[in-house]
Amino acid sequence: ILDKLNDYLCIHIENQISAGADVIQ
């Protein structure tokens, strides 16, 4: 579960960056 969550969280991060986020917490 943790490994799978990591994959989806990275997708979520990438999408936020592409939309204009310039820092991630």
PDBML (XML) file of the C-alpha atoms, coordinates in Angstrom:
<?xml version="1.0" encoding="UTF-8" ?>
<PDBx:datablock datablockName="MODEL"
   xmlns:PDBx="http://pdbml.pdb.org/schema/pdbx-v50.xsd"
   xmlns:xsi="http://www.w3.org/2001/XMLSchema-instance"
   xsi:schemaLocation="http://pdbml.pdb.org/schema/pdbx-v50.xsd pdbx-v50.xsd">
   <PDBx:atom_siteCategory>
      <PDBx:atom_site id="1">
         <PDBx:B_iso_or_equiv>0.00</PDBx:B_iso_or_equiv>
         <PDBx:Cartn_x>0.000</PDBx:Cartn_x>
         <PDBx:Cartn_y>0.000</PDBx:Cartn_y>
         <PDBx:Cartn_z>0.000</PDBx:Cartn_z>
         <PDBx:auth_asym_id>A</PDBx:auth_asym_id>
         <PDBx:auth_atom_id>CA</PDBx:auth_atom_id>
         <PDBx:auth_comp_id>ILE</PDBx:auth_comp_id>
         <PDBx:auth_seq_id>1</PDBx:auth_seq_id>
         <PDBx:group_PDB>ATOM</PDBx:group_PDB>
         <PDBx:label_alt_id xsi:nil="true" />
         <PDBx:label_asym_id>A</PDBx:label_asym_id>
         <PDBx:label_atom_id>CA</PDBx:label_atom_id>
         <PDBx:label_comp_id>ILE</PDBx:label_comp_id>
         <PDBx:label_entity_id>1</PDBx:label_entity_id>
         <PDBx:label_seq_id>1</PDBx:label_seq_id>
         <PDBx:occupancy>1.00</PDBx:occupancy>
         <PDBx:pdbx_PDB_model_num>1</PDBx:pdbx_PDB_model_num>
         <PDBx:type_symbol>C</PDBx:type_symbol>
      </PDBx:atom_site>
      <PDBx:atom_site id="2">
         <PDBx:B_iso_or_equiv>0.00</PDBx:B_iso_or_equiv>
         <PDBx:Cartn_x>2.786</PDBx:Cartn_x>
         <PDBx:Cartn_y>2.422</PDBx:Cartn_y>
         <PDBx:Cartn_z>0.912</PDBx:Cartn_z>
         <PDBx:auth_asym_id>A</PDBx:auth_asym_id>
         <PDBx:auth_atom_id>CA</PDBx:auth_atom_id>
         <PDBx:auth_comp_id>LEU</PDBx:auth_comp_id>
         <PDBx:auth_seq_id>2</PDBx:auth_seq_id>
         <PDBx:group_PDB>ATOM</PDBx:group_PDB>
         <PDBx:label_alt_id xsi:nil="true" />
         <PDBx:label_asym_id>A</PDBx:label_asym_id>
         <PDBx:label_atom_id>CA</PDBx:label_atom_id>
         <PDBx:label_comp_id>LEU</PDBx:label_comp_id>
         <PDBx:label_entity_id>1</PDBx:label_entity_id>
         <PDBx:label_seq_id>2</PDBx:label_seq_id>
         <PDBx:occupancy>1.00</PDBx:occupancy>
         <PDBx:pdbx_PDB_model_num>1</PDBx:pdbx_PDB_model_num>
         <PDBx:type_symbol>C</PDBx:type_symbol>
      </PDBx:atom_site>
      <PDBx:atom_site id="3">
         <PDBx:B_iso_or_equiv>0.00</PDBx:B_iso_or_equiv>
         <PDBx:Cartn_x>4.621</PDBx:Cartn_x>
         <PDBx:Cartn_y>1.725</PDBx:Cartn_y>
         <PDBx:Cartn_z>-2.363</PDBx:Cartn_z>
         <PDBx:auth_asym_id>A</PDBx:auth_asym_id>
         <PDBx:auth_atom_id>CA</PDBx:auth_atom_id>
         <PDBx:auth_comp_id>ASP</PDBx:auth_comp_id>
         <PDBx:auth_seq_id>3</PDBx:auth_seq_id>
         <PDBx:group_PDB>ATOM</PDBx:group_PDB>
         <PDBx:label_alt_id xsi:nil="true" />
         <PDBx:label_asym_id>A</PDBx:label_asym_id>
         <PDBx:label_atom_id>CA</PDBx:label_atom_id>
         <PDBx:label_comp_id>ASP</PDBx:label_comp_id>
         <PDBx:label_entity_id>1</PDBx:label_entity_id>
         <PDBx:label_seq_id>3</PDBx:label_seq_id>
         <PDBx:occupancy>1.00</PDBx:occupancy>
         <PDBx:pdbx_PDB_model_num>1</PDBx:pdbx_PDB_model_num>
         <PDBx:type_symbol>C</PDBx:type_symbol>
      </PDBx:atom_site>
      <PDBx:atom_site id="4">
         <PDBx:B_iso_or_equiv>0.00</PDBx:B_iso_or_equiv>
         <PDBx:Cartn_x>1.450</PDBx:Cartn_x>
         <PDBx:Cartn_y>2.249</PDBx:Cartn_y>
         <PDBx:Cartn_z>-4.388</PDBx:Cartn_z>
         <PDBx:auth_asym_id>A</PDBx:auth_asym_id>
         <PDBx:auth_atom_id>CA</PDBx:auth_atom_id>
         <PDBx:auth_comp_id>LYS</PDBx:auth_comp_id>
         <PDBx:auth_seq_id>4</PDBx:auth_seq_id>
         <PDBx:group_PDB>ATOM</PDBx:group_PDB>
         <PDBx:label_alt_id xsi:nil="true" />
         <PDBx:label_asym_id>A</PDBx:label_asym_id>
         <PDBx:label_atom_id>CA</PDBx:label_atom_id>
         <PDBx:label_comp_id>LYS</PDBx:label_comp_id>
         <PDBx:label_entity_id>1</PDBx:label_entity_id>
         <PDBx:label_seq_id>4</PDBx:label_seq_id>
         <PDBx:occupancy>1.00</PDBx:occupancy>
         <PDBx:pdbx_PDB_model_num>1</PDBx:pdbx_PDB_model_num>
         <PDBx:type_symbol>C</PDBx:type_symbol>
      </PDBx:atom_site>
      <PDBx:atom_site id="5">
         <PDBx:B_iso_or_equiv>0.00</PDBx:B_iso_or_equiv>
         <PDBx:Cartn_x>0.633</PDBx:Cartn_x>
         <PDBx:Cartn_y>5.429</PDBx:Cartn_y>
         <PDBx:Cartn_z>-2.482</PDBx:Cartn_z>
         <PDBx:auth_asym_id>A</PDBx:auth_asym_id>
         <PDBx:auth_atom_id>CA</PDBx:auth_atom_id>
         <PDBx:auth_comp_id>LEU</PDBx:auth_comp_id>
         <PDBx:auth_seq_id>5</PDBx:auth_seq_id>
         <PDBx:group_PDB>ATOM</PDBx:group_PDB>
         <PDBx:label_alt_id xsi:nil="true" />
         <PDBx:label_asym_id>A</PDBx:label_asym_id>
         <PDBx:label_atom_id>CA</PDBx:label_atom_id>
         <PDBx:label_comp_id>LEU</PDBx:label_comp_id>
         <PDBx:label_entity_id>1</PDBx:label_entity_id>
         <PDBx:label_seq_id>5</PDBx:label_seq_id>
         <PDBx:occupancy>1.00</PDBx:occupancy>
         <PDBx:pdbx_PDB_model_num>1</PDBx:pdbx_PDB_model_num>
         <PDBx:type_symbol>C</PDBx:type_symbol>
      </PDBx:atom_site>
      <PDBx:atom_site id="6">
         <PDBx:B_iso_or_equiv>0.00</PDBx:B_iso_or_equiv>
         <PDBx:Cartn_x>4.126</PDBx:Cartn_x>
         <PDBx:Cartn_y>6.695</PDBx:Cartn_y>
         <PDBx:Cartn_z>-3.262</PDBx:Cartn_z>
         <PDBx:auth_asym_id>A</PDBx:auth_asym_id>
         <PDBx:auth_atom_id>CA</PDBx:auth_atom_id>
         <PDBx:auth_comp_id>ASN</PDBx:auth_comp_id>
         <PDBx:auth_seq_id>6</PDBx:auth_seq_id>
         <PDBx:group_PDB>ATOM</PDBx:group_PDB>
         <PDBx:label_alt_id xsi:nil="true" />
         <PDBx:label_asym_id>A</PDBx:label_asym_id>
         <PDBx:label_atom_id>CA</PDBx:label_atom_id>
         <PDBx:label_comp_id>ASN</PDBx:label_comp_id>
         <PDBx:label_entity_id>1</PDBx:label_entity_id>
         <PDBx:label_seq_id>6</PDBx:label_seq_id>
         <PDBx:occupancy>1.00</PDBx:occupancy>
         <PDBx:pdbx_PDB_model_num>1</PDBx:pdbx_PDB_model_num>
         <PDBx:type_symbol>C</PDBx:type_symbol>
      </PDBx:atom_site>
      <PDBx:atom_site id="7">
         <PDBx:B_iso_or_equiv>0.00</PDBx:B_iso_or_equiv>
         <PDBx:Cartn_x>3.482</PDBx:Cartn_x>
         <PDBx:Cartn_y>6.201</PDBx:Cartn_y>
         <PDBx:Cartn_z>-6.996</PDBx:Cartn_z>
         <PDBx:auth_asym_id>A</PDBx:auth_asym_id>
         <PDBx:auth_atom_id>CA</PDBx:auth_atom_id>
         <PDBx:auth_comp_id>ASP</PDBx:auth_comp_id>
         <PDBx:auth_seq_id>7</PDBx:auth_seq_id>
         <PDBx:group_PDB>ATOM</PDBx:group_PDB>
         <PDBx:label_alt_id xsi:nil="true" />
         <PDBx:label_asym_id>A</PDBx:label_asym_id>
         <PDBx:label_atom_id>CA</PDBx:label_atom_id>
         <PDBx:label_comp_id>ASP</PDBx:label_comp_id>
         <PDBx:label_entity_id>1</PDBx:label_entity_id>
         <PDBx:label_seq_id>7</PDBx:label_seq_id>
         <PDBx:occupancy>1.00</PDBx:occupancy>
         <PDBx:pdbx_PDB_model_num>1</PDBx:pdbx_PDB_model_num>
         <PDBx:type_symbol>C</PDBx:type_symbol>
      </PDBx:atom_site>
      <PDBx:atom_site id="8">
         <PDBx:B_iso_or_equiv>0.00</PDBx:B_iso_or_equiv>
         <PDBx:Cartn_x>0.215</PDBx:Cartn_x>
         <PDBx:Cartn_y>8.143</PDBx:Cartn_y>
         <PDBx:Cartn_z>-6.936</PDBx:Cartn_z>
         <PDBx:auth_asym_id>A</PDBx:auth_asym_id>
         <PDBx:auth_atom_id>CA</PDBx:auth_atom_id>
         <PDBx:auth_comp_id>TYR</PDBx:auth_comp_id>
         <PDBx:auth_seq_id>8</PDBx:auth_seq_id>
         <PDBx:group_PDB>ATOM</PDBx:group_PDB>
         <PDBx:label_alt_id xsi:nil="true" />
         <PDBx:label_asym_id>A</PDBx:label_asym_id>
         <PDBx:label_atom_id>CA</PDBx:label_atom_id>
         <PDBx:label_comp_id>TYR</PDBx:label_comp_id>
         <PDBx:label_entity_id>1</PDBx:label_entity_id>
         <PDBx:label_seq_id>8</PDBx:label_seq_id>
         <PDBx:occupancy>1.00</PDBx:occupancy>
         <PDBx:pdbx_PDB_model_num>1</PDBx:pdbx_PDB_model_num>
         <PDBx:type_symbol>C</PDBx:type_symbol>
      </PDBx:atom_site>
      <PDBx:atom_site id="9">
         <PDBx:B_iso_or_equiv>0.00</PDBx:B_iso_or_equiv>
         <PDBx:Cartn_x>1.627</PDBx:Cartn_x>
         <PDBx:Cartn_y>10.886</PDBx:Cartn_y>
         <PDBx:Cartn_z>-4.719</PDBx:Cartn_z>
         <PDBx:auth_asym_id>A</PDBx:auth_asym_id>
         <PDBx:auth_atom_id>CA</PDBx:auth_atom_id>
         <PDBx:auth_comp_id>LEU</PDBx:auth_comp_id>
         <PDBx:auth_seq_id>9</PDBx:auth_seq_id>
         <PDBx:group_PDB>ATOM</PDBx:group_PDB>
         <PDBx:label_alt_id xsi:nil="true" />
         <PDBx:label_asym_id>A</PDBx:label_asym_id>
         <PDBx:label_atom_id>CA</PDBx:label_atom_id>
         <PDBx:label_comp_id>LEU</PDBx:label_comp_id>
         <PDBx:label_entity_id>1</PDBx:label_entity_id>
         <PDBx:label_seq_id>9</PDBx:label_seq_id>
         <PDBx:occupancy>1.00</PDBx:occupancy>
         <PDBx:pdbx_PDB_model_num>1</PDBx:pdbx_PDB_model_num>
         <PDBx:type_symbol>C</PDBx:type_symbol>
      </PDBx:atom_site>
      <PDBx:atom_site id="10">
         <PDBx:B_iso_or_equiv>0.00</PDBx:B_iso_or_equiv>
         <PDBx:Cartn_x>4.414</PDBx:Cartn_x>
         <PDBx:Cartn_y>11.443</PDBx:Cartn_y>
         <PDBx:Cartn_z>-7.230</PDBx:Cartn_z>
         <PDBx:auth_asym_id>A</PDBx:auth_asym_id>
         <PDBx:auth_atom_id>CA</PDBx:auth_atom_id>
         <PDBx:auth_comp_id>CYS</PDBx:auth_comp_id>
         <PDBx:auth_seq_id>10</PDBx:auth_seq_id>
         <PDBx:group_PDB>ATOM</PDBx:group_PDB>
         <PDBx:label_alt_id xsi:nil="true" />
         <PDBx:label_asym_id>A</PDBx:label_asym_id>
         <PDBx:label_atom_id>CA</PDBx:label_atom_id>
         <PDBx:label_comp_id>CYS</PDBx:label_comp_id>
         <PDBx:label_entity_id>1</PDBx:label_entity_id>
         <PDBx:label_seq_id>10</PDBx:label_seq_id>
         <PDBx:occupancy>1.00</PDBx:occupancy>
         <PDBx:pdbx_PDB_model_num>1</PDBx:pdbx_PDB_model_num>
         <PDBx:type_symbol>C</PDBx:type_symbol>
      </PDBx:atom_site>
      <PDBx:atom_site id="11">
         <PDBx:B_iso_or_equiv>0.00</PDBx:B_iso_or_equiv>
         <PDBx:Cartn_x>1.794</PDBx:Cartn_x>
         <PDBx:Cartn_y>11.731</PDBx:Cartn_y>
         <PDBx:Cartn_z>-9.984</PDBx:Cartn_z>
         <PDBx:auth_asym_id>A</PDBx:auth_asym_id>
         <PDBx:auth_atom_id>CA</PDBx:auth_atom_id>
         <PDBx:auth_comp_id>ILE</PDBx:auth_comp_id>
         <PDBx:auth_seq_id>11</PDBx:auth_seq_id>
         <PDBx:group_PDB>ATOM</PDBx:group_PDB>
         <PDBx:label_alt_id xsi:nil="true" />
         <PDBx:label_asym_id>A</PDBx:label_asym_id>
         <PDBx:label_atom_id>CA</PDBx:label_atom_id>
         <PDBx:label_comp_id>ILE</PDBx:label_comp_id>
         <PDBx:label_entity_id>1</PDBx:label_entity_id>
         <PDBx:label_seq_id>11</PDBx:label_seq_id>
         <PDBx:occupancy>1.00</PDBx:occupancy>
         <PDBx:pdbx_PDB_model_num>1</PDBx:pdbx_PDB_model_num>
         <PDBx:type_symbol>C</PDBx:type_symbol>
      </PDBx:atom_site>
      <PDBx:atom_site id="12">
         <PDBx:B_iso_or_equiv>0.00</PDBx:B_iso_or_equiv>
         <PDBx:Cartn_x>-0.071</PDBx:Cartn_x>
         <PDBx:Cartn_y>14.267</PDBx:Cartn_y>
         <PDBx:Cartn_z>-7.850</PDBx:Cartn_z>
         <PDBx:auth_asym_id>A</PDBx:auth_asym_id>
         <PDBx:auth_atom_id>CA</PDBx:auth_atom_id>
         <PDBx:auth_comp_id>HIS</PDBx:auth_comp_id>
         <PDBx:auth_seq_id>12</PDBx:auth_seq_id>
         <PDBx:group_PDB>ATOM</PDBx:group_PDB>
         <PDBx:label_alt_id xsi:nil="true" />
         <PDBx:label_asym_id>A</PDBx:label_asym_id>
         <PDBx:label_atom_id>CA</PDBx:label_atom_id>
         <PDBx:label_comp_id>HIS</PDBx:label_comp_id>
         <PDBx:label_entity_id>1</PDBx:label_entity_id>
         <PDBx:label_seq_id>12</PDBx:label_seq_id>
         <PDBx:occupancy>1.00</PDBx:occupancy>
         <PDBx:pdbx_PDB_model_num>1</PDBx:pdbx_PDB_model_num>
         <PDBx:type_symbol>C</PDBx:type_symbol>
      </PDBx:atom_site>
      <PDBx:atom_site id="13">
         <PDBx:B_iso_or_equiv>0.00</PDBx:B_iso_or_equiv>
         <PDBx:Cartn_x>3.140</PDBx:Cartn_x>
         <PDBx:Cartn_y>16.226</PDBx:Cartn_y>
         <PDBx:Cartn_z>-7.294</PDBx:Cartn_z>
         <PDBx:auth_asym_id>A</PDBx:auth_asym_id>
         <PDBx:auth_atom_id>CA</PDBx:auth_atom_id>
         <PDBx:auth_comp_id>ILE</PDBx:auth_comp_id>
         <PDBx:auth_seq_id>13</PDBx:auth_seq_id>
         <PDBx:group_PDB>ATOM</PDBx:group_PDB>
         <PDBx:label_alt_id xsi:nil="true" />
         <PDBx:label_asym_id>A</PDBx:label_asym_id>
         <PDBx:label_atom_id>CA</PDBx:label_atom_id>
         <PDBx:label_comp_id>ILE</PDBx:label_comp_id>
         <PDBx:label_entity_id>1</PDBx:label_entity_id>
         <PDBx:label_seq_id>13</PDBx:label_seq_id>
         <PDBx:occupancy>1.00</PDBx:occupancy>
         <PDBx:pdbx_PDB_model_num>1</PDBx:pdbx_PDB_model_num>
         <PDBx:type_symbol>C</PDBx:type_symbol>
      </PDBx:atom_site>
      <PDBx:atom_site id="14">
         <PDBx:B_iso_or_equiv>0.00</PDBx:B_iso_or_equiv>
         <PDBx:Cartn_x>4.010</PDBx:Cartn_x>
         <PDBx:Cartn_y>16.235</PDBx:Cartn_y>
         <PDBx:Cartn_z>-10.981</PDBx:Cartn_z>
         <PDBx:auth_asym_id>A</PDBx:auth_asym_id>
         <PDBx:auth_atom_id>CA</PDBx:auth_atom_id>
         <PDBx:auth_comp_id>GLU</PDBx:auth_comp_id>
         <PDBx:auth_seq_id>14</PDBx:auth_seq_id>
         <PDBx:group_PDB>ATOM</PDBx:group_PDB>
         <PDBx:label_alt_id xsi:nil="true" />
         <PDBx:label_asym_id>A</PDBx:label_asym_id>
         <PDBx:label_atom_id>CA</PDBx:label_atom_id>
         <PDBx:label_comp_id>GLU</PDBx:label_comp_id>
         <PDBx:label_entity_id>1</PDBx:label_entity_id>
         <PDBx:label_seq_id>14</PDBx:label_seq_id>
         <PDBx:occupancy>1.00</PDBx:occupancy>
         <PDBx:pdbx_PDB_model_num>1</PDBx:pdbx_PDB_model_num>
         <PDBx:type_symbol>C</PDBx:type_symbol>
      </PDBx:atom_site>
      <PDBx:atom_site id="15">
         <PDBx:B_iso_or_equiv>0.00</PDBx:B_iso_or_equiv>
         <PDBx:Cartn_x>0.531</PDBx:Cartn_x>
         <PDBx:Cartn_y>17.492</PDBx:Cartn_y>
         <PDBx:Cartn_z>-11.875</PDBx:Cartn_z>
         <PDBx:auth_asym_id>A</PDBx:auth_asym_id>
         <PDBx:auth_atom_id>CA</PDBx:auth_atom_id>
         <PDBx:auth_comp_id>ASN</PDBx:auth_comp_id>
         <PDBx:auth_seq_id>15</PDBx:auth_seq_id>
         <PDBx:group_PDB>ATOM</PDBx:group_PDB>
         <PDBx:label_alt_id xsi:nil="true" />
         <PDBx:label_asym_id>A</PDBx:label_asym_id>
         <PDBx:label_atom_id>CA</PDBx:label_atom_id>
         <PDBx:label_comp_id>ASN</PDBx:label_comp_id>
         <PDBx:label_entity_id>1</PDBx:label_entity_id>
         <PDBx:label_seq_id>15</PDBx:label_seq_id>
         <PDBx:occupancy>1.00</PDBx:occupancy>
         <PDBx:pdbx_PDB_model_num>1</PDBx:pdbx_PDB_model_num>
         <PDBx:type_symbol>C</PDBx:type_symbol>
      </PDBx:atom_site>
      <PDBx:atom_site id="16">
         <PDBx:B_iso_or_equiv>0.00</PDBx:B_iso_or_equiv>
         <PDBx:Cartn_x>0.738</PDBx:Cartn_x>
         <PDBx:Cartn_y>20.267</PDBx:Cartn_y>
         <PDBx:Cartn_z>-9.270</PDBx:Cartn_z>
         <PDBx:auth_asym_id>A</PDBx:auth_asym_id>
         <PDBx:auth_atom_id>CA</PDBx:auth_atom_id>
         <PDBx:auth_comp_id>GLN</PDBx:auth_comp_id>
         <PDBx:auth_seq_id>16</PDBx:auth_seq_id>
         <PDBx:group_PDB>ATOM</PDBx:group_PDB>
         <PDBx:label_alt_id xsi:nil="true" />
         <PDBx:label_asym_id>A</PDBx:label_asym_id>
         <PDBx:label_atom_id>CA</PDBx:label_atom_id>
         <PDBx:label_comp_id>GLN</PDBx:label_comp_id>
         <PDBx:label_entity_id>1</PDBx:label_entity_id>
         <PDBx:label_seq_id>16</PDBx:label_seq_id>
         <PDBx:occupancy>1.00</PDBx:occupancy>
         <PDBx:pdbx_PDB_model_num>1</PDBx:pdbx_PDB_model_num>
         <PDBx:type_symbol>C</PDBx:type_symbol>
      </PDBx:atom_site>
      <PDBx:atom_site id="17">
         <PDBx:B_iso_or_equiv>0.00</PDBx:B_iso_or_equiv>
         <PDBx:Cartn_x>4.132</PDBx:Cartn_x>
         <PDBx:Cartn_y>21.367</PDBx:Cartn_y>
         <PDBx:Cartn_z>-10.593</PDBx:Cartn_z>
         <PDBx:auth_asym_id>A</PDBx:auth_asym_id>
         <PDBx:auth_atom_id>CA</PDBx:auth_atom_id>
         <PDBx:auth_comp_id>ILE</PDBx:auth_comp_id>
         <PDBx:auth_seq_id>17</PDBx:auth_seq_id>
         <PDBx:group_PDB>ATOM</PDBx:group_PDB>
         <PDBx:label_alt_id xsi:nil="true" />
         <PDBx:label_asym_id>A</PDBx:label_asym_id>
         <PDBx:label_atom_id>CA</PDBx:label_atom_id>
         <PDBx:label_comp_id>ILE</PDBx:label_comp_id>
         <PDBx:label_entity_id>1</PDBx:label_entity_id>
         <PDBx:label_seq_id>17</PDBx:label_seq_id>
         <PDBx:occupancy>1.00</PDBx:occupancy>
         <PDBx:pdbx_PDB_model_num>1</PDBx:pdbx_PDB_model_num>
         <PDBx:type_symbol>C</PDBx:type_symbol>
      </PDBx:atom_site>
      <PDBx:atom_site id="18">
         <PDBx:B_iso_or_equiv>0.00</PDBx:B_iso_or_equiv>
         <PDBx:Cartn_x>2.868</PDBx:Cartn_x>
         <PDBx:Cartn_y>21.351</PDBx:Cartn_y>
         <PDBx:Cartn_z>-14.180</PDBx:Cartn_z>
         <PDBx:auth_asym_id>A</PDBx:auth_asym_id>
         <PDBx:auth_atom_id>CA</PDBx:auth_atom_id>
         <PDBx:auth_comp_id>SER</PDBx:auth_comp_id>
         <PDBx:auth_seq_id>18</PDBx:auth_seq_id>
         <PDBx:group_PDB>ATOM</PDBx:group_PDB>
         <PDBx:label_alt_id xsi:nil="true" />
         <PDBx:label_asym_id>A</PDBx:label_asym_id>
         <PDBx:label_atom_id>CA</PDBx:label_atom_id>
         <PDBx:label_comp_id>SER</PDBx:label_comp_id>
         <PDBx:label_entity_id>1</PDBx:label_entity_id>
         <PDBx:label_seq_id>18</PDBx:label_seq_id>
         <PDBx:occupancy>1.00</PDBx:occupancy>
         <PDBx:pdbx_PDB_model_num>1</PDBx:pdbx_PDB_model_num>
         <PDBx:type_symbol>C</PDBx:type_symbol>
      </PDBx:atom_site>
      <PDBx:atom_site id="19">
         <PDBx:B_iso_or_equiv>0.00</PDBx:B_iso_or_equiv>
         <PDBx:Cartn_x>-0.070</PDBx:Cartn_x>
         <PDBx:Cartn_y>23.527</PDBx:Cartn_y>
         <PDBx:Cartn_z>-13.099</PDBx:Cartn_z>
         <PDBx:auth_asym_id>A</PDBx:auth_asym_id>
         <PDBx:auth_atom_id>CA</PDBx:auth_atom_id>
         <PDBx:auth_comp_id>ALA</PDBx:auth_comp_id>
         <PDBx:auth_seq_id>19</PDBx:auth_seq_id>
         <PDBx:group_PDB>ATOM</PDBx:group_PDB>
         <PDBx:label_alt_id xsi:nil="true" />
         <PDBx:label_asym_id>A</PDBx:label_asym_id>
         <PDBx:label_atom_id>CA</PDBx:label_atom_id>
         <PDBx:label_comp_id>ALA</PDBx:label_comp_id>
         <PDBx:label_entity_id>1</PDBx:label_entity_id>
         <PDBx:label_seq_id>19</PDBx:label_seq_id>
         <PDBx:occupancy>1.00</PDBx:occupancy>
         <PDBx:pdbx_PDB_model_num>1</PDBx:pdbx_PDB_model_num>
         <PDBx:type_symbol>C</PDBx:type_symbol>
      </PDBx:atom_site>
      <PDBx:atom_site id="20">
         <PDBx:B_iso_or_equiv>0.00</PDBx:B_iso_or_equiv>
         <PDBx:Cartn_x>2.204</PDBx:Cartn_x>
         <PDBx:Cartn_y>26.148</PDBx:Cartn_y>
         <PDBx:Cartn_z>-11.501</PDBx:Cartn_z>
         <PDBx:auth_asym_id>A</PDBx:auth_asym_id>
         <PDBx:auth_atom_id>CA</PDBx:auth_atom_id>
         <PDBx:auth_comp_id>GLY</PDBx:auth_comp_id>
         <PDBx:auth_seq_id>20</PDBx:auth_seq_id>
         <PDBx:group_PDB>ATOM</PDBx:group_PDB>
         <PDBx:label_alt_id xsi:nil="true" />
         <PDBx:label_asym_id>A</PDBx:label_asym_id>
         <PDBx:label_atom_id>CA</PDBx:label_atom_id>
         <PDBx:label_comp_id>GLY</PDBx:label_comp_id>
         <PDBx:label_entity_id>1</PDBx:label_entity_id>
         <PDBx:label_seq_id>20</PDBx:label_seq_id>
         <PDBx:occupancy>1.00</PDBx:occupancy>
         <PDBx:pdbx_PDB_model_num>1</PDBx:pdbx_PDB_model_num>
         <PDBx:type_symbol>C</PDBx:type_symbol>
      </PDBx:atom_site>
      <PDBx:atom_site id="21">
         <PDBx:B_iso_or_equiv>0.00</PDBx:B_iso_or_equiv>
         <PDBx:Cartn_x>3.226</PDBx:Cartn_x>
         <PDBx:Cartn_y>25.086</PDBx:Cartn_y>
         <PDBx:Cartn_z>-7.979</PDBx:Cartn_z>
         <PDBx:auth_asym_id>A</PDBx:auth_asym_id>
         <PDBx:auth_atom_id>CA</PDBx:auth_atom_id>
         <PDBx:auth_comp_id>ALA</PDBx:auth_comp_id>
         <PDBx:auth_seq_id>21</PDBx:auth_seq_id>
         <PDBx:group_PDB>ATOM</PDBx:group_PDB>
         <PDBx:label_alt_id xsi:nil="true" />
         <PDBx:label_asym_id>A</PDBx:label_asym_id>
         <PDBx:label_atom_id>CA</PDBx:label_atom_id>
         <PDBx:label_comp_id>ALA</PDBx:label_comp_id>
         <PDBx:label_entity_id>1</PDBx:label_entity_id>
         <PDBx:label_seq_id>21</PDBx:label_seq_id>
         <PDBx:occupancy>1.00</PDBx:occupancy>
         <PDBx:pdbx_PDB_model_num>1</PDBx:pdbx_PDB_model_num>
         <PDBx:type_symbol>C</PDBx:type_symbol>
      </PDBx:atom_site>
      <PDBx:atom_site id="22">
         <PDBx:B_iso_or_equiv>0.00</PDBx:B_iso_or_equiv>
         <PDBx:Cartn_x>6.869</PDBx:Cartn_x>
         <PDBx:Cartn_y>26.023</PDBx:Cartn_y>
         <PDBx:Cartn_z>-7.354</PDBx:Cartn_z>
         <PDBx:auth_asym_id>A</PDBx:auth_asym_id>
         <PDBx:auth_atom_id>CA</PDBx:auth_atom_id>
         <PDBx:auth_comp_id>ASP</PDBx:auth_comp_id>
         <PDBx:auth_seq_id>22</PDBx:auth_seq_id>
         <PDBx:group_PDB>ATOM</PDBx:group_PDB>
         <PDBx:label_alt_id xsi:nil="true" />
         <PDBx:label_asym_id>A</PDBx:label_asym_id>
         <PDBx:label_atom_id>CA</PDBx:label_atom_id>
         <PDBx:label_comp_id>ASP</PDBx:label_comp_id>
         <PDBx:label_entity_id>1</PDBx:label_entity_id>
         <PDBx:label_seq_id>22</PDBx:label_seq_id>
         <PDBx:occupancy>1.00</PDBx:occupancy>
         <PDBx:pdbx_PDB_model_num>1</PDBx:pdbx_PDB_model_num>
         <PDBx:type_symbol>C</PDBx:type_symbol>
      </PDBx:atom_site>
      <PDBx:atom_site id="23">
         <PDBx:B_iso_or_equiv>0.00</PDBx:B_iso_or_equiv>
         <PDBx:Cartn_x>7.308</PDBx:Cartn_x>
         <PDBx:Cartn_y>24.480</PDBx:Cartn_y>
         <PDBx:Cartn_z>-3.881</PDBx:Cartn_z>
         <PDBx:auth_asym_id>A</PDBx:auth_asym_id>
         <PDBx:auth_atom_id>CA</PDBx:auth_atom_id>
         <PDBx:auth_comp_id>VAL</PDBx:auth_comp_id>
         <PDBx:auth_seq_id>23</PDBx:auth_seq_id>
         <PDBx:group_PDB>ATOM</PDBx:group_PDB>
         <PDBx:label_alt_id xsi:nil="true" />
         <PDBx:label_asym_id>A</PDBx:label_asym_id>
         <PDBx:label_atom_id>CA</PDBx:label_atom_id>
         <PDBx:label_comp_id>VAL</PDBx:label_comp_id>
         <PDBx:label_entity_id>1</PDBx:label_entity_id>
         <PDBx:label_seq_id>23</PDBx:label_seq_id>
         <PDBx:occupancy>1.00</PDBx:occupancy>
         <PDBx:pdbx_PDB_model_num>1</PDBx:pdbx_PDB_model_num>
         <PDBx:type_symbol>C</PDBx:type_symbol>
      </PDBx:atom_site>
      <PDBx:atom_site id="24">
         <PDBx:B_iso_or_equiv>0.00</PDBx:B_iso_or_equiv>
         <PDBx:Cartn_x>6.002</PDBx:Cartn_x>
         <PDBx:Cartn_y>21.170</PDBx:Cartn_y>
         <PDBx:Cartn_z>-2.520</PDBx:Cartn_z>
         <PDBx:auth_asym_id>A</PDBx:auth_asym_id>
         <PDBx:auth_atom_id>CA</PDBx:auth_atom_id>
         <PDBx:auth_comp_id>ILE</PDBx:auth_comp_id>
         <PDBx:auth_seq_id>24</PDBx:auth_seq_id>
         <PDBx:group_PDB>ATOM</PDBx:group_PDB>
         <PDBx:label_alt_id xsi:nil="true" />
         <PDBx:label_asym_id>A</PDBx:label_asym_id>
         <PDBx:label_atom_id>CA</PDBx:label_atom_id>
         <PDBx:label_comp_id>ILE</PDBx:label_comp_id>
         <PDBx:label_entity_id>1</PDBx:label_entity_id>
         <PDBx:label_seq_id>24</PDBx:label_seq_id>
         <PDBx:occupancy>1.00</PDBx:occupancy>
         <PDBx:pdbx_PDB_model_num>1</PDBx:pdbx_PDB_model_num>
         <PDBx:type_symbol>C</PDBx:type_symbol>
      </PDBx:atom_site>
      <PDBx:atom_site id="25">
         <PDBx:B_iso_or_equiv>0.00</PDBx:B_iso_or_equiv>
         <PDBx:Cartn_x>5.367</PDBx:Cartn_x>
         <PDBx:Cartn_y>20.413</PDBx:Cartn_y>
         <PDBx:Cartn_z>1.144</PDBx:Cartn_z>
         <PDBx:auth_asym_id>A</PDBx:auth_asym_id>
         <PDBx:auth_atom_id>CA</PDBx:auth_atom_id>
         <PDBx:auth_comp_id>GLN</PDBx:auth_comp_id>
         <PDBx:auth_seq_id>25</PDBx:auth_seq_id>
         <PDBx:group_PDB>ATOM</PDBx:group_PDB>
         <PDBx:label_alt_id xsi:nil="true" />
         <PDBx:label_asym_id>A</PDBx:label_asym_id>
         <PDBx:label_atom_id>CA</PDBx:label_atom_id>
         <PDBx:label_comp_id>GLN</PDBx:label_comp_id>
         <PDBx:label_entity_id>1</PDBx:label_entity_id>
         <PDBx:label_seq_id>25</PDBx:label_seq_id>
         <PDBx:occupancy>1.00</PDBx:occupancy>
         <PDBx:pdbx_PDB_model_num>1</PDBx:pdbx_PDB_model_num>
         <PDBx:type_symbol>C</PDBx:type_symbol>
      </PDBx:atom_site>
   </PDBx:atom_siteCategory>
</PDBx:datablock>
